[in-house]
Amino acid sequence: MICPSCGHDNIEGADRCEECVTSLLNLHVPQAGSEGLASSVMEDDISQLDQEFLSVSPDNSALEAIGKMKAAGLGCALVLEDGKLVGIFTERDLLNKLTGKDARPDNTTVKELMSPEPEILSETDSVATAVNKMSMGRYRHIPIRKADGSYSVISIKHVLKYIAKADW
């Protein structure tokens, strides 16, 4: 381990430089600065993340929506009515709301199970804003309103993929 003060080559794992006694404890600990993950998450906007899109109508049956989600390999669908986002239908909605002996999935519509009026982010919001919203609201999916007025969704898996592929 090379001492940053004097350049002496020390034994790996040494706490102090043998030559000048400078502390070597934090040499390999990444520091937040002008580069790296902390900076990228704060500065990069959501458009840097992969996004997905699946929509259903509030009047679709829950079974139909589940079939579409399963076929697309997605954990949620945006609920659109006349092009306006009115809700989000997620796996969690199914688990929390379509349970018990009185559950009738064949007669239940999306609007009965969806989470109405979800928080929406803009594609120009930072990745950090998305992570904060996900954490504070306990969401795994957040709808994104694009500049052209269309929608997409980011999920925690998109955030993790963004972090994993970054070259730090």
Protein backbone atom coordinates (compact mmCIF):
# COMPACT_ATOMS: atom_id res chain seq x y z
CA MET A 1 0.00 0.00 0.00
CA ILE A 2 1.61 3.24 -1.18
CA CYS A 3 1.56 6.13 1.30
CA PRO A 4 -0.07 9.21 -0.24
CA SER A 5 2.23 11.52 1.76
CA CYS A 6 5.71 10.10 1.23
CA GLY A 7 5.30 7.38 -1.39
CA HIS A 8 6.68 4.61 0.83
CA ASP A 9 5.50 1.11 -0.12
CA ASN A 10 3.91 -0.31 3.05
CA ILE A 11 2.62 -3.78 3.84
CA GLU A 12 -1.01 -4.22 2.69
CA GLY A 13 -3.40 -3.63 5.61
CA ALA A 14 -1.01 -1.39 7.59
CA ASP A 15 -2.74 1.28 9.69
CA ARG A 16 0.10 3.82 9.45
CA CYS A 17 2.96 4.44 7.07
CA GLU A 18 6.20 2.88 8.38
CA GLU A 19 8.19 5.81 7.03
CA CYS A 20 6.20 8.97 7.93
CA VAL A 21 3.47 7.60 10.26
CA THR A 22 0.62 8.99 8.10
CA SER A 23 -2.69 7.19 8.68
CA LEU A 24 -3.53 4.69 5.94
CA LEU A 25 -6.91 3.63 7.36
CA ASN A 26 -9.25 5.27 4.84
CA LEU A 27 -7.21 4.91 1.65
CA HIS A 28 -9.51 2.34 0.05
CA VAL A 29 -12.83 3.79 1.23
CA PRO A 30 -14.67 5.52 -1.61
CA GLN A 31 -15.34 9.18 -0.90
CA ALA A 32 -18.24 11.24 -2.24
CA GLY A 33 -16.91 13.98 -4.41
CA SER A 34 -17.41 15.54 -7.76
CA GLU A 35 -17.42 12.14 -9.46
CA GLY A 36 -18.91 8.76 -8.81
CA LEU A 37 -22.21 7.29 -7.75
CA ALA A 38 -23.34 10.00 -5.32
CA SER A 39 -22.81 12.71 -7.89
CA SER A 40 -24.45 10.75 -10.71
CA VAL A 41 -27.54 9.91 -8.69
CA MET A 42 -27.92 13.56 -7.73
CA GLU A 43 -27.27 14.95 -11.21
CA ASP A 44 -28.55 12.36 -13.71
CA ASP A 45 -32.21 12.59 -14.55
CA ILE A 46 -34.72 9.78 -14.83
CA SER A 47 -34.37 9.69 -18.61
CA GLN A 48 -31.04 7.87 -17.97
CA LEU A 49 -32.98 4.88 -16.58
CA ASP A 50 -34.61 2.08 -18.53
CA GLN A 51 -38.38 2.53 -18.53
CA GLU A 52 -41.38 0.38 -19.32
CA PHE A 53 -45.01 0.91 -20.22
CA LEU A 54 -48.21 -1.09 -20.04
CA SER A 55 -51.63 0.45 -19.74
CA VAL A 56 -55.07 -0.85 -18.90
CA SER A 57 -58.48 0.73 -18.62
CA PRO A 58 -60.14 1.18 -15.22
CA ASP A 59 -63.01 -0.95 -16.51
CA ASN A 60 -60.80 -3.88 -17.53
CA SER A 61 -61.23 -6.96 -15.40
CA ALA A 62 -58.48 -7.60 -12.90
CA LEU A 63 -57.87 -10.98 -14.55
CA GLU A 64 -57.36 -9.34 -17.94
CA ALA A 65 -54.89 -6.85 -16.45
CA ILE A 66 -53.05 -9.64 -14.65
CA GLY A 67 -52.79 -11.55 -17.93
CA LYS A 68 -51.33 -8.51 -19.71
CA MET A 69 -48.84 -7.91 -16.88
CA LYS A 70 -47.78 -11.54 -16.86
CA ALA A 71 -47.37 -11.66 -20.66
CA ALA A 72 -45.26 -8.49 -20.58
CA GLY A 73 -43.25 -9.62 -17.54
CA LEU A 74 -44.15 -6.43 -15.65
CA GLY A 75 -45.16 -5.81 -12.05
CA CYS A 76 -47.55 -2.97 -12.78
CA ALA A 77 -49.79 -1.32 -15.32
CA LEU A 78 -50.75 2.33 -15.60
CA VAL A 79 -54.48 2.90 -15.54
CA LEU A 80 -55.40 5.39 -18.26
CA GLU A 81 -58.79 6.87 -19.01
CA ASP A 82 -59.07 9.09 -22.09
CA GLY A 83 -55.27 9.44 -22.10
CA LYS A 84 -55.21 10.68 -18.48
CA LEU A 85 -53.45 8.75 -15.73
CA VAL A 86 -56.05 7.86 -13.10
CA GLY A 87 -54.22 5.13 -11.20
CA ILE A 88 -51.58 2.44 -11.06
CA PHE A 89 -52.35 -1.26 -10.77
CA THR A 90 -49.59 -3.27 -9.10
CA GLU A 91 -48.87 -6.74 -7.79
CA ARG A 92 -49.13 -5.26 -4.31
CA ASP A 93 -52.69 -4.07 -5.05
CA LEU A 94 -53.59 -7.67 -5.87
CA LEU A 95 -51.99 -9.08 -2.74
CA ASN A 96 -53.49 -6.46 -0.41
CA LYS A 97 -56.94 -5.99 -1.92
CA LEU A 98 -57.96 -9.17 -3.73
CA THR A 99 -57.83 -11.62 -0.86
CA GLY A 100 -60.15 -13.52 1.43
CA LYS A 101 -63.09 -15.82 0.94
CA ASP A 102 -65.22 -13.10 -0.68
CA ALA A 103 -62.65 -12.31 -3.38
CA ARG A 104 -64.09 -12.67 -6.87
CA PRO A 105 -61.25 -12.06 -9.33
CA ASP A 106 -63.45 -12.81 -12.35
CA ASN A 107 -65.91 -10.03 -11.42
CA THR A 108 -63.45 -7.46 -10.09
CA THR A 109 -62.40 -4.47 -12.20
CA VAL A 110 -59.07 -2.70 -12.16
CA LYS A 111 -60.64 0.48 -10.70
CA GLU A 112 -61.69 -1.50 -7.60
CA LEU A 113 -58.09 -2.54 -6.89
CA MET A 114 -55.85 0.18 -8.34
CA SER A 115 -54.06 2.83 -6.34
CA PRO A 116 -55.76 6.05 -7.50
CA GLU A 117 -53.94 9.30 -8.27
CA PRO A 118 -50.37 8.03 -7.94
CA GLU A 119 -47.46 10.41 -7.53
CA ILE A 120 -45.97 11.27 -10.91
CA LEU A 121 -42.43 12.35 -11.64
CA SER A 122 -41.09 14.16 -14.67
CA GLU A 123 -38.37 12.60 -16.80
CA THR A 124 -36.21 15.62 -15.89
CA ASP A 125 -36.38 14.82 -12.14
CA SER A 126 -33.17 13.38 -10.72
CA VAL A 127 -32.56 9.72 -9.99
CA ALA A 128 -32.14 10.80 -6.35
CA THR A 129 -35.67 12.26 -6.37
CA ALA A 130 -37.04 8.96 -7.66
CA VAL A 131 -35.16 6.96 -5.03
CA ASN A 132 -36.39 9.30 -2.30
CA LYS A 133 -40.02 9.03 -3.46
CA MET A 134 -39.75 5.25 -3.66
CA SER A 135 -38.29 5.06 -0.18
CA MET A 136 -40.62 7.52 1.53
CA GLY A 137 -43.77 6.25 -0.19
CA ARG A 138 -42.75 2.58 -0.08
CA TYR A 139 -43.27 2.30 -3.84
CA ARG A 140 -41.56 -0.08 -6.19
CA HIS A 141 -42.96 1.66 -9.29
CA ILE A 142 -43.40 5.34 -10.14
CA PRO A 143 -45.15 6.74 -13.22
CA ILE A 144 -43.12 9.19 -15.31
CA ARG A 145 -44.70 11.94 -17.39
CA LYS A 146 -42.64 12.54 -20.50
CA ALA A 147 -42.20 15.87 -22.27
CA ASP A 148 -44.57 14.77 -25.05
CA GLY A 149 -47.35 14.04 -22.52
CA SER A 150 -47.02 10.26 -22.68
CA TYR A 151 -46.26 8.07 -19.67
CA SER A 152 -43.81 5.38 -18.69
CA VAL A 153 -42.85 3.67 -15.46
CA ILE A 154 -39.58 3.27 -13.61
CA SER A 155 -39.11 0.66 -10.95
CA ILE A 156 -36.57 -0.06 -8.28
CA LYS A 157 -35.09 -2.70 -10.63
CA HIS A 158 -34.36 0.09 -13.14
CA VAL A 159 -32.57 2.12 -10.47
CA LEU A 160 -30.49 -0.88 -9.41
CA LYS A 161 -29.63 -1.69 -13.04
CA TYR A 162 -28.53 1.94 -13.55
CA ILE A 163 -26.29 1.73 -10.49
CA ALA A 164 -24.88 -1.67 -11.45
CA LYS A 165 -23.91 -0.69 -15.00
CA ALA A 166 -22.35 2.62 -14.05
CA ASP A 167 -18.56 2.77 -14.35
CA TRP A 168 -17.39 4.10 -11.02
